[in-house]
N, C-alpha and C. Protein backbone atom coordinates (compact mmCIF):
# COMPACT_ATOMS: atom_id res chain seq x y z
N MET A 1 158.03 43.29 -4.27
CA MET A 1 157.01 44.49 -3.92
C MET A 1 158.12 45.11 -2.38
N ILE A 2 158.52 46.48 -2.63
CA ILE A 2 158.86 47.42 -2.40
C ILE A 2 157.91 47.13 -0.50
N GLY A 3 158.39 46.94 0.39
CA GLY A 3 157.79 47.10 2.33
C GLY A 3 158.48 48.09 2.64
N LEU A 4 159.60 48.47 2.88
CA LEU A 4 160.00 49.68 3.38
C LEU A 4 161.58 50.06 1.81
N LEU A 5 161.86 51.51 2.72
CA LEU A 5 163.25 51.85 2.62
C LEU A 5 163.58 52.84 3.66
N ARG A 6 164.82 52.66 3.37
CA ARG A 6 165.85 53.19 4.41
C ARG A 6 166.59 53.59 3.96
N GLY A 7 167.30 55.31 4.04
CA GLY A 7 168.16 55.50 3.29
C GLY A 7 168.41 57.50 3.50
N GLU A 8 169.12 57.93 2.23
CA GLU A 8 169.02 59.78 2.77
C GLU A 8 168.06 59.81 1.80
N VAL A 9 167.70 60.75 3.37
CA VAL A 9 166.58 61.62 2.33
C VAL A 9 167.27 62.78 0.99
N ALA A 10 166.64 62.20 -0.23
CA ALA A 10 167.45 63.96 -1.20
C ALA A 10 166.64 64.27 -1.30
N VAL A 11 164.92 64.79 -1.55
CA VAL A 11 164.32 65.64 -1.88
C VAL A 11 162.66 65.51 -1.18
N ARG A 12 162.68 66.24 -0.54
CA ARG A 12 161.38 66.26 0.65
C ARG A 12 160.36 67.79 0.13
N ARG A 13 159.40 67.45 -0.33
CA ARG A 13 158.44 68.16 -1.14
C ARG A 13 156.84 68.02 -0.29
N ALA A 14 156.67 69.02 -0.15
CA ALA A 14 155.43 68.48 0.59
C ALA A 14 154.20 67.69 0.08
N ASP A 15 154.07 66.68 -1.03
CA ASP A 15 153.09 65.78 -1.06
C ASP A 15 154.04 64.50 -1.18
N HIS A 16 155.67 64.49 -1.02
CA HIS A 16 156.15 63.30 -2.32
C HIS A 16 157.82 63.91 -1.19
N VAL A 17 158.61 62.54 -1.11
CA VAL A 17 160.26 62.82 -0.64
C VAL A 17 160.65 61.48 -1.90
N VAL A 18 162.03 61.91 -2.26
CA VAL A 18 163.18 60.46 -3.10
C VAL A 18 164.13 60.27 -1.68
N ILE A 19 163.87 59.15 -1.16
CA ILE A 19 164.69 58.69 -0.42
C ILE A 19 165.85 57.60 -1.68
N LEU A 20 167.01 57.69 -0.79
CA LEU A 20 168.67 57.29 -1.59
C LEU A 20 168.73 56.17 -1.12
N CYS A 21 168.46 55.06 -1.47
CA CYS A 21 169.24 53.81 -1.12
C CYS A 21 169.94 52.68 -1.89
N ALA A 22 171.24 52.69 -1.40
CA ALA A 22 172.47 52.22 -1.92
C ALA A 22 172.60 53.21 -4.10
N GLY A 23 172.52 54.43 -3.74
CA GLY A 23 172.44 54.61 -5.20
C GLY A 23 171.24 55.21 -6.49
N VAL A 24 170.74 54.12 -5.60
CA VAL A 24 169.36 54.90 -6.15
C VAL A 24 167.75 55.59 -5.47
N GLY A 25 167.42 56.19 -6.20
CA GLY A 25 166.43 57.75 -5.92
C GLY A 25 164.70 56.84 -5.22
N TYR A 26 164.32 56.44 -4.73
CA TYR A 26 162.76 55.85 -5.14
C TYR A 26 162.31 57.09 -4.26
N ARG A 27 161.04 57.55 -5.33
CA ARG A 27 159.86 58.38 -4.88
C ARG A 27 158.83 58.18 -4.58
N ALA A 28 158.34 58.63 -3.45
CA ALA A 28 157.11 57.64 -2.40
C ALA A 28 156.38 59.04 -1.92
N ALA A 29 154.89 58.68 -2.61
CA ALA A 29 154.23 59.98 -1.85
C ALA A 29 153.90 59.86 -0.83
N VAL A 30 153.37 60.54 0.09
CA VAL A 30 153.56 60.51 1.49
C VAL A 30 152.13 61.36 1.95
N SER A 31 152.02 61.52 3.17
CA SER A 31 151.16 62.39 3.49
C SER A 31 151.49 63.06 4.60
N SER A 32 150.56 64.16 4.85
CA SER A 32 151.21 65.51 5.95
C SER A 32 151.77 65.00 7.07
N GLU A 33 150.69 63.65 7.50
CA GLU A 33 151.40 63.22 8.80
C GLU A 33 153.00 62.66 8.59
N THR A 34 152.81 61.77 7.08
CA THR A 34 153.91 60.96 7.86
C THR A 34 155.05 62.55 6.97
N LEU A 35 154.83 63.55 6.25
CA LEU A 35 155.87 64.62 6.06
C LEU A 35 156.41 64.62 7.46
N ARG A 36 155.60 64.85 8.19
CA ARG A 36 156.21 65.49 9.37
C ARG A 36 157.25 64.76 10.54
N HIS A 37 157.69 63.36 9.94
CA HIS A 37 158.10 62.81 10.41
C HIS A 37 159.52 62.15 9.60
N VAL A 38 159.45 62.84 8.79
CA VAL A 38 160.67 63.04 7.85
C VAL A 38 161.84 63.93 7.61
N PRO A 39 163.07 63.42 8.07
CA PRO A 39 164.15 64.53 8.46
C PRO A 39 164.21 64.87 7.43
N ALA A 40 164.97 66.34 7.56
CA ALA A 40 165.86 67.11 5.94
C ALA A 40 166.61 66.84 5.81
N VAL A 41 166.62 67.10 4.07
CA VAL A 41 167.76 66.53 2.81
C VAL A 41 168.76 66.16 3.99
N GLY A 42 169.23 64.58 3.42
CA GLY A 42 170.79 64.97 3.62
C GLY A 42 171.04 63.74 4.92
N ARG A 43 169.86 63.93 5.52
CA ARG A 43 170.00 62.99 7.21
C ARG A 43 168.57 61.40 7.12
N GLU A 44 168.81 61.00 7.44
CA GLU A 44 168.74 59.20 7.19
C GLU A 44 167.07 58.82 7.65
N THR A 45 166.58 57.72 7.29
CA THR A 45 164.81 57.99 7.39
C THR A 45 164.50 56.72 7.08
N THR A 46 163.97 56.18 7.32
CA THR A 46 163.08 54.87 6.96
C THR A 46 162.03 55.24 7.09
N LEU A 47 160.92 54.89 6.08
CA LEU A 47 159.17 54.71 5.02
C LEU A 47 158.85 52.99 4.95
N HIS A 48 158.00 53.15 5.66
CA HIS A 48 157.15 51.30 5.58
C HIS A 48 156.19 52.13 3.99
N THR A 49 156.42 51.11 2.92
CA THR A 49 155.89 51.52 1.20
C THR A 49 154.87 50.83 1.25
N HIS A 50 154.11 50.87 -0.01
CA HIS A 50 153.15 50.42 -0.37
C HIS A 50 153.54 50.30 -1.94
N LEU A 51 153.65 49.48 -2.86
CA LEU A 51 153.49 49.84 -4.43
C LEU A 51 152.37 49.24 -5.01
N ILE A 52 151.70 50.34 -5.82
CA ILE A 52 150.60 49.87 -6.74
C ILE A 52 151.47 49.74 -8.25
N VAL A 53 151.01 48.77 -8.41
CA VAL A 53 151.17 48.35 -10.18
C VAL A 53 149.73 48.76 -10.82
N ARG A 54 150.36 49.67 -12.34
CA ARG A 54 149.04 49.62 -13.00
C ARG A 54 149.59 49.72 -14.48
N ASP A 55 149.16 49.50 -15.28
CA ASP A 55 149.67 49.71 -16.51
C ASP A 55 150.30 50.41 -16.94
N ASP A 56 150.23 51.77 -16.64
CA ASP A 56 150.71 52.61 -17.28
C ASP A 56 152.08 53.58 -16.50
N ALA A 57 152.39 53.35 -14.92
CA ALA A 57 152.51 53.51 -13.89
C ALA A 57 152.82 52.42 -12.83
N LEU A 58 154.06 52.52 -12.15
CA LEU A 58 154.84 51.80 -10.78
C LEU A 58 154.60 53.26 -10.01
N SER A 59 153.36 53.29 -8.64
CA SER A 59 153.00 54.14 -7.84
C SER A 59 153.90 53.67 -6.79
N LEU A 60 154.84 54.62 -5.63
CA LEU A 60 154.92 53.80 -4.45
C LEU A 60 154.74 55.25 -3.41
N TYR A 61 154.23 54.91 -2.19
CA TYR A 61 153.14 55.62 -1.06
C TYR A 61 154.15 55.13 -0.24
N GLY A 62 154.83 55.89 0.35
CA GLY A 62 155.32 55.68 1.80
C GLY A 62 154.62 56.09 2.98
N PHE A 63 154.89 55.84 4.33
CA PHE A 63 154.72 55.96 5.73
C PHE A 63 155.66 56.18 6.54
N HIS A 64 155.28 56.66 7.89
CA HIS A 64 156.13 56.87 8.60
C HIS A 64 155.94 55.48 9.46
N SER A 65 154.56 54.81 9.72
CA SER A 65 154.60 53.81 10.57
C SER A 65 153.83 52.90 9.84
N GLU A 66 153.66 51.21 10.24
CA GLU A 66 152.76 50.42 9.62
C GLU A 66 151.63 50.35 9.64
N GLN A 67 151.54 51.25 11.31
CA GLN A 67 149.87 51.61 11.33
C GLN A 67 148.94 52.40 10.23
N GLU A 68 149.89 53.55 9.53
CA GLU A 68 149.16 54.86 8.65
C GLU A 68 149.08 54.17 7.50
N ARG A 69 150.05 52.82 7.11
CA ARG A 69 149.81 52.04 5.83
C ARG A 69 149.57 51.05 5.80
N ASP A 70 148.62 50.23 7.47
CA ASP A 70 147.71 49.05 7.28
C ASP A 70 145.75 50.08 7.17
N LEU A 71 146.11 51.31 7.68
CA LEU A 71 145.09 52.39 7.68
C LEU A 71 145.16 52.51 5.45
N PHE A 72 146.44 53.28 5.56
CA PHE A 72 146.16 53.43 4.13
C PHE A 72 145.04 52.17 3.45
N LEU A 73 145.60 50.50 3.39
CA LEU A 73 145.39 49.98 3.01
C LEU A 73 143.87 49.55 2.85
N MET A 74 142.98 49.85 4.08
CA MET A 74 142.00 49.78 4.60
C MET A 74 140.60 50.51 3.94
N LEU A 75 141.24 52.06 3.48
CA LEU A 75 141.07 52.98 3.25
C LEU A 75 140.73 52.72 1.61
N LEU A 76 141.72 52.17 0.98
CA LEU A 76 141.60 51.58 -0.58
C LEU A 76 140.41 50.78 -0.27
N SER A 77 139.98 49.99 0.20
CA SER A 77 138.93 49.39 0.05
C SER A 77 138.12 49.60 0.14
N VAL A 78 137.90 50.94 0.51
CA VAL A 78 136.06 51.80 0.34
C VAL A 78 135.60 51.50 -1.01
N GLN A 79 135.14 51.74 -1.60
CA GLN A 79 134.68 51.73 -2.71
C GLN A 79 134.34 53.66 -2.88
N ALA A 80 135.60 53.77 -4.10
CA ALA A 80 135.55 55.30 -4.89
C ALA A 80 136.60 56.16 -3.98
N VAL A 81 137.13 55.30 -3.02
CA VAL A 81 138.66 55.94 -2.37
C VAL A 81 139.47 55.57 -2.64
N GLY A 82 140.37 56.40 -3.85
CA GLY A 82 141.82 55.63 -4.71
C GLY A 82 143.13 56.55 -3.77
N PRO A 83 143.79 55.81 -4.06
CA PRO A 83 144.87 56.36 -3.24
C PRO A 83 145.12 57.86 -3.04
N LYS A 84 144.98 58.90 -4.14
CA LYS A 84 145.01 60.10 -3.48
C LYS A 84 144.19 60.83 -2.16
N VAL A 85 143.58 59.95 -2.32
CA VAL A 85 142.00 60.62 -1.34
C VAL A 85 142.75 60.28 -0.04
N ALA A 86 142.98 58.52 -0.29
CA ALA A 86 143.48 57.70 0.99
C ALA A 86 144.66 58.74 1.90
N LEU A 87 145.62 59.16 0.96
CA LEU A 87 146.40 60.10 1.48
C LEU A 87 145.94 61.24 2.56
N ALA A 88 145.03 62.26 1.63
CA ALA A 88 144.67 63.44 2.08
C ALA A 88 143.42 62.87 3.20
N VAL A 89 143.15 61.59 3.58
CA VAL A 89 142.72 61.29 5.01
C VAL A 89 143.34 60.69 6.19
N LEU A 90 144.57 60.58 6.04
CA LEU A 90 145.51 60.16 6.49
C LEU A 90 146.39 61.41 7.17
N SER A 91 146.95 62.71 5.74
CA SER A 91 146.82 64.28 6.66
C SER A 91 146.10 64.76 7.74
N GLY A 92 145.18 64.09 7.60
CA GLY A 92 144.50 64.34 8.92
C GLY A 92 144.44 64.61 10.38
N GLY A 93 145.16 63.47 10.37
CA GLY A 93 145.72 63.17 11.54
C GLY A 93 146.79 61.89 11.97
N PRO A 94 147.43 61.43 13.39
CA PRO A 94 147.37 60.19 13.76
C PRO A 94 146.29 59.20 13.44
N PRO A 95 146.99 58.30 13.22
CA PRO A 95 146.37 57.24 12.38
C PRO A 95 145.20 56.72 14.16
N ARG A 96 146.19 56.94 15.08
CA ARG A 96 144.79 56.23 16.21
C ARG A 96 144.23 57.36 16.19
N GLU A 97 144.21 58.64 16.16
CA GLU A 97 142.57 59.26 15.89
C GLU A 97 141.45 59.48 14.94
N LEU A 98 142.35 58.79 14.07
CA LEU A 98 141.12 58.57 13.00
C LEU A 98 140.41 57.59 13.21
N VAL A 99 141.54 56.04 13.75
CA VAL A 99 140.27 55.02 14.13
C VAL A 99 139.39 55.42 14.84
N ALA A 100 139.79 56.09 16.10
CA ALA A 100 138.56 57.30 17.27
C ALA A 100 137.39 57.45 16.43
N SER A 101 137.53 58.59 14.78
CA SER A 101 136.86 58.60 14.27
C SER A 101 136.17 57.82 13.83
N VAL A 102 136.45 56.63 12.74
CA VAL A 102 135.27 55.64 12.58
C VAL A 102 135.17 55.11 13.44
N ALA A 103 135.40 54.73 14.45
CA ALA A 103 134.64 54.10 16.12
C ALA A 103 133.89 54.81 16.63
N ALA A 104 133.96 56.33 16.34
CA ALA A 104 132.41 56.77 17.17
C ALA A 104 131.74 57.46 15.38
N GLY A 105 131.66 56.96 14.48
CA GLY A 105 131.18 57.35 13.74
C GLY A 105 131.40 58.68 13.43
N ASP A 106 131.84 59.19 13.60
CA ASP A 106 132.26 60.84 12.54
C ASP A 106 132.74 61.51 11.49
N ALA A 107 130.97 61.03 10.79
CA ALA A 107 131.50 61.65 9.56
C ALA A 107 131.99 63.29 9.56
N ALA A 108 131.55 64.02 10.38
CA ALA A 108 132.17 65.39 10.25
C ALA A 108 133.54 65.56 10.05
N ARG A 109 134.25 64.77 10.56
CA ARG A 109 135.60 65.10 10.73
C ARG A 109 136.17 64.44 9.41
N LEU A 110 135.76 63.35 8.86
CA LEU A 110 135.96 62.96 7.52
C LEU A 110 135.81 64.09 6.36
N GLN A 111 134.69 64.49 6.72
CA GLN A 111 134.51 65.53 5.46
C GLN A 111 134.91 66.72 5.86
N ALA A 112 135.22 67.27 6.20
CA ALA A 112 136.86 67.83 6.06
C ALA A 112 137.75 67.86 5.14
N VAL A 113 137.91 66.63 5.26
CA VAL A 113 139.03 66.32 4.31
C VAL A 113 139.20 66.50 2.58
N PRO A 114 139.23 67.23 1.99
CA PRO A 114 139.04 68.19 0.89
C PRO A 114 139.51 66.65 -0.37
N GLY A 115 137.99 66.53 -0.52
CA GLY A 115 138.02 65.38 -1.86
C GLY A 115 136.73 64.63 -0.75
N ILE A 116 136.07 64.86 0.07
CA ILE A 116 135.12 64.01 0.36
C ILE A 116 134.50 64.57 1.57
N GLY A 117 133.23 64.15 0.56
CA GLY A 117 131.80 64.91 0.43
C GLY A 117 131.26 63.80 1.75
N LYS A 118 129.48 64.34 2.10
CA LYS A 118 129.11 63.29 3.32
C LYS A 118 128.39 61.49 3.10
N ARG A 119 128.97 61.98 1.74
CA ARG A 119 128.11 60.35 0.83
C ARG A 119 129.39 59.62 1.76
N THR A 120 130.65 59.64 0.84
CA THR A 120 131.88 59.33 0.72
C THR A 120 132.40 59.03 2.59
N ALA A 121 132.12 60.22 3.15
CA ALA A 121 132.54 59.83 4.55
C ALA A 121 131.44 58.48 4.76
N GLU A 122 130.73 59.00 4.90
CA GLU A 122 129.24 57.46 5.42
C GLU A 122 129.74 56.44 5.17
N ARG A 123 130.10 56.05 3.68
CA ARG A 123 130.96 55.14 3.18
C ARG A 123 131.78 54.75 3.55
N ILE A 124 133.03 54.98 4.01
CA ILE A 124 133.89 54.82 4.71
C ILE A 124 133.58 54.49 6.18
N ILE A 125 133.06 54.98 7.03
CA ILE A 125 132.52 54.29 8.26
C ILE A 125 132.02 53.49 8.61
N VAL A 126 131.35 52.83 7.28
CA VAL A 126 130.22 51.68 7.12
C VAL A 126 131.07 50.72 6.47
N GLU A 127 131.83 50.94 6.20
CA GLU A 127 132.76 49.76 4.84
C GLU A 127 133.28 49.11 5.89
N LEU A 128 134.02 50.70 7.11
CA LEU A 128 135.65 50.02 7.51
C LEU A 128 135.21 49.32 8.78
N ARG A 129 133.46 49.50 9.38
CA ARG A 129 133.05 49.05 10.22
C ARG A 129 132.67 47.43 10.11
N GLU A 130 132.44 47.84 8.81
CA GLU A 130 131.38 46.02 8.23
C GLU A 130 133.20 45.10 8.26
N LYS A 131 134.01 45.96 7.54
CA LYS A 131 135.70 44.57 7.56
C LYS A 131 135.88 44.40 8.41
N VAL A 132 136.14 45.38 9.62
CA VAL A 132 136.93 44.86 11.19
C VAL A 132 136.11 44.27 11.72
N GLY A 133 134.49 45.91 12.08
CA GLY A 133 134.25 45.26 13.43
C GLY A 133 134.46 46.14 14.53
N VAL A 134 135.22 47.23 13.97
CA VAL A 134 135.89 48.91 14.66
C VAL A 134 136.30 48.23 16.23
N VAL A 135 135.29 47.48 16.46
CA VAL A 135 135.58 47.87 18.20
C VAL A 135 136.18 46.02 18.30
N GLY A 136 135.05 45.37 17.69
CA GLY A 136 135.79 43.98 17.91
C GLY A 136 137.17 44.17 17.53
N ASP A 137 137.69 44.00 16.51
CA ASP A 137 139.02 43.93 15.68
C ASP A 137 139.93 45.26 14.93
N LEU A 138 139.83 46.19 16.40
CA LEU A 138 140.24 47.82 15.89
C LEU A 138 141.57 48.07 16.17
N ASP A 139 142.14 46.85 16.35
CA ASP A 139 144.04 46.76 16.20
C ASP A 139 143.85 46.11 14.58
N ALA A 140 143.26 45.91 13.73
CA ALA A 140 143.03 46.12 12.25
C ALA A 140 143.40 47.12 11.73
N LEU A 141 142.54 48.18 12.44
CA LEU A 141 142.62 49.25 11.59
C LEU A 141 143.49 50.04 12.47
N ALA A 142 144.19 49.95 13.64
CA ALA A 142 145.20 50.55 13.53
C ALA A 142 147.06 50.04 13.95
N GLY A 143 146.59 48.97 13.29
CA GLY A 143 148.41 48.06 13.04
C GLY A 143 148.35 47.65 14.99
N ALA A 144 147.95 47.75 15.82
CA ALA A 144 147.85 47.31 16.67
C ALA A 144 147.65 45.73 17.20
N PRO A 145 148.14 45.24 17.48
CA PRO A 145 148.30 43.88 18.16
C PRO A 145 146.88 43.81 19.07
N LEU A 146 145.82 44.45 19.17
CA LEU A 146 144.68 44.58 20.63
C LEU A 146 144.68 43.11 20.46
N ALA A 147 144.30 42.50 19.94
CA ALA A 147 142.72 41.44 19.71
C ALA A 147 143.91 40.27 20.64
N GLY A 148 144.94 40.37 20.50
CA GLY A 148 146.42 39.38 20.57
C GLY A 148 146.33 39.50 22.49
N ALA A 149 146.45 41.15 22.37
CA ALA A 149 146.93 40.90 24.02
C ALA A 149 145.63 41.12 24.49
N ILE A 150 144.36 41.15 24.42
CA ILE A 150 143.11 40.70 25.46
C ILE A 150 143.67 39.16 25.52
N ALA A 151 143.81 38.15 23.96
CA ALA A 151 143.26 36.79 23.81
C ALA A 151 144.48 36.24 24.55
N ALA A 152 145.32 37.72 25.29
CA ALA A 152 147.15 36.76 26.04
C ALA A 152 145.82 36.58 27.57
N SER A 153 145.14 37.77 27.99
CA SER A 153 145.60 37.84 29.39
C SER A 153 143.59 38.05 29.40
N ARG A 154 143.53 36.79 29.23
CA ARG A 154 141.90 36.40 29.63
C ARG A 154 141.12 36.32 30.75
N GLY A 155 142.19 36.67 31.65
CA GLY A 155 142.41 36.32 32.52
C GLY A 155 141.38 37.61 33.72
N ALA A 156 142.05 38.37 32.84
CA ALA A 156 142.33 39.99 33.72
C ALA A 156 140.56 40.24 33.19
N SER A 157 140.45 41.74 34.62
CA SER A 157 139.43 42.10 33.95
C SER A 157 139.15 42.81 33.03
N PRO A 158 137.99 43.58 32.89
CA PRO A 158 137.69 43.86 31.55
C PRO A 158 138.69 45.49 31.30
N ARG A 159 138.38 45.72 32.82
CA ARG A 159 138.93 47.27 32.51
C ARG A 159 140.33 47.11 32.32
N VAL A 160 141.37 46.10 32.48
CA VAL A 160 142.72 46.23 32.81
C VAL A 160 143.42 45.97 31.54
N LEU A 161 141.71 45.00 30.41
CA LEU A 161 142.04 44.69 29.17
C LEU A 161 142.01 46.08 29.11
N ALA A 162 141.01 46.97 28.66
CA ALA A 162 140.73 47.71 27.89
C ALA A 162 141.87 48.74 28.34
N ARG A 163 142.70 49.25 29.23
CA ARG A 163 143.28 49.81 29.32
C ARG A 163 144.75 49.12 28.53
N GLU A 164 145.41 47.76 28.29
CA GLU A 164 146.36 46.70 27.43
C GLU A 164 145.71 47.50 26.43
N GLY A 165 144.11 47.59 26.00
CA GLY A 165 144.25 47.71 24.56
C GLY A 165 144.55 49.02 24.05
N LEU A 166 143.91 50.03 24.91
CA LEU A 166 144.53 51.32 24.70
C LEU A 166 146.33 51.78 24.76
N LEU A 167 146.90 51.14 25.55
CA LEU A 167 148.34 50.41 25.21
C LEU A 167 149.08 50.42 24.18
N GLU A 168 148.09 49.39 23.72
CA GLU A 168 148.85 49.42 22.14
C GLU A 168 148.56 49.91 21.36
N LEU A 169 147.65 50.67 21.45
CA LEU A 169 146.89 51.83 20.48
C LEU A 169 147.54 52.81 20.69
N GLY A 170 148.73 53.15 21.51
CA GLY A 170 149.53 54.52 21.59
C GLY A 170 149.41 54.91 22.35
N TYR A 171 148.15 55.09 23.76
CA TYR A 171 148.48 56.01 24.58
C TYR A 171 148.75 55.82 25.51
N THR A 172 149.31 57.13 26.45
CA THR A 172 149.83 56.59 27.67
C THR A 172 149.14 55.77 28.85
N PRO A 173 150.20 55.19 29.92
CA PRO A 173 148.93 54.79 30.70
C PRO A 173 148.69 55.83 31.39
N ALA A 174 148.68 57.16 31.58
CA ALA A 174 148.22 58.51 32.07
C ALA A 174 146.69 58.55 31.41
N GLU A 175 147.11 58.60 30.21
CA GLU A 175 145.96 58.68 29.20
C GLU A 175 144.90 58.04 29.10
N ALA A 176 145.70 56.80 29.13
CA ALA A 176 144.90 55.10 29.26
C ALA A 176 143.78 55.70 30.15
N GLU A 177 144.41 55.53 31.60
CA GLU A 177 143.35 55.94 32.63
C GLU A 177 142.44 56.68 32.60
N GLU A 178 143.19 57.78 32.47
CA GLU A 178 142.17 58.65 32.13
C GLU A 178 140.27 58.64 31.18
N LEU A 179 140.97 58.36 30.47
CA LEU A 179 140.30 57.34 28.94
C LEU A 179 138.79 57.00 29.52
N LEU A 180 140.00 56.01 30.36
CA LEU A 180 138.60 54.83 31.12
C LEU A 180 137.97 55.06 32.51
N SER A 181 138.55 56.35 32.78
CA SER A 181 137.85 56.82 33.73
C SER A 181 136.09 57.58 34.22
N ALA A 182 135.47 57.39 32.97
CA ALA A 182 134.56 57.98 32.72
C ALA A 182 133.79 56.60 31.78
N ALA A 183 134.12 55.32 31.48
CA ALA A 183 133.99 54.78 30.35
C ALA A 183 133.26 53.33 31.49
N ALA A 184 131.84 52.98 30.56
CA ALA A 184 131.23 51.81 31.14
C ALA A 184 130.89 50.72 30.06
N GLY A 185 131.01 49.22 30.07
CA GLY A 185 130.77 48.49 30.26
C GLY A 185 130.91 47.41 30.70
N GLU A 186 130.41 46.19 29.99
CA GLU A 186 130.89 45.19 30.40
C GLU A 186 131.73 44.16 29.90
N SER A 187 132.69 44.59 28.81
CA SER A 187 133.05 43.98 27.99
C SER A 187 134.19 44.76 27.79
N ALA A 188 135.66 44.46 27.33
CA ALA A 188 136.91 45.70 27.04
C ALA A 188 136.42 45.89 26.01
N GLU A 189 135.57 45.79 24.80
CA GLU A 189 135.94 45.82 24.01
C GLU A 189 134.42 46.95 23.80
N GLU A 190 133.83 47.36 24.39
CA GLU A 190 132.83 48.55 24.89
C GLU A 190 133.76 49.20 25.58
N LEU A 191 134.43 49.10 26.54
CA LEU A 191 135.16 49.54 27.09
C LEU A 191 136.32 50.84 26.29
N ILE A 192 136.16 50.01 24.93
CA ILE A 192 137.59 50.84 24.58
C ILE A 192 136.64 51.56 23.71
N ALA A 193 135.78 51.03 23.14
CA ALA A 193 134.95 52.46 21.90
C ALA A 193 134.82 53.10 22.87
N GLN A 194 133.71 53.45 24.21
CA GLN A 194 133.44 53.90 24.85
C GLN A 194 134.76 55.73 25.11
N ALA A 195 136.27 54.57 24.79
CA ALA A 195 137.30 55.41 25.93
C ALA A 195 137.39 56.18 24.08
N LEU A 196 137.65 56.14 22.93
CA LEU A 196 138.07 56.26 22.06
C LEU A 196 137.06 57.56 21.75
N ARG A 197 135.55 57.45 21.71
CA ARG A 197 134.66 58.01 21.52
C ARG A 197 134.60 59.61 22.45
N ALA A 198 135.52 59.25 23.66
CA ALA A 198 135.41 60.67 25.00
C ALA A 198 136.54 61.56 24.23
N ALA A 199 138.10 60.38 23.09
CA ALA A 199 138.86 61.23 22.89
C ALA A 199 138.67 61.78 21.93
N ARG A 200 137.18 61.43 20.61
CA ARG A 200 137.34 62.68 20.10
C ARG A 200 136.51 63.24 20.24
N THR A 201 135.91 63.61 21.47
CA THR A 201 135.36 65.21 22.03
C THR A 201 136.36 65.89 21.89
N ARG A 202 137.39 65.56 22.77
CA ARG A 202 138.41 66.31 23.47
C ARG A 202 138.70 67.40 22.13
């Protein structure tokens, strides 16, 4: 399994890149979100990857972060969502924003992705919620150790834990404080869910 590529950018296209590693060029399909982070041809870069093996092809997919790769794998677990559609979803924004869309049940955001209709958008939300519980296991979607952070600080207040969770998801301290300022809930999970919904309405 090819899990990571580090080398020189040999080709940079709208839907794929070729990374030269020890004299071998690896072609990896990428999302628009990942492509934004890939430097110009001739410069060094690192991509997290996932290899899909089929009878007629070996298809390599590249990602800027482990979070994006984890979300790609989650999307592939949804019925009727293949690699191309999953990449299209990932092209819609940073992983944390897509996670927020799922948490908020924002089917309209997903329907804006080419190739995804209302039924598929709703299926993504339902199946990912069932798979990871969205609120309770948000880290599984975002690739961040949210549950671990909460477990390590059981003595802290729910608001403190929620703030730590948002920081793990990539928000700055100022952003976390702002999102939590209007959130209400008795547990860290409830506060995080409300904060992410608020982030989606901005």
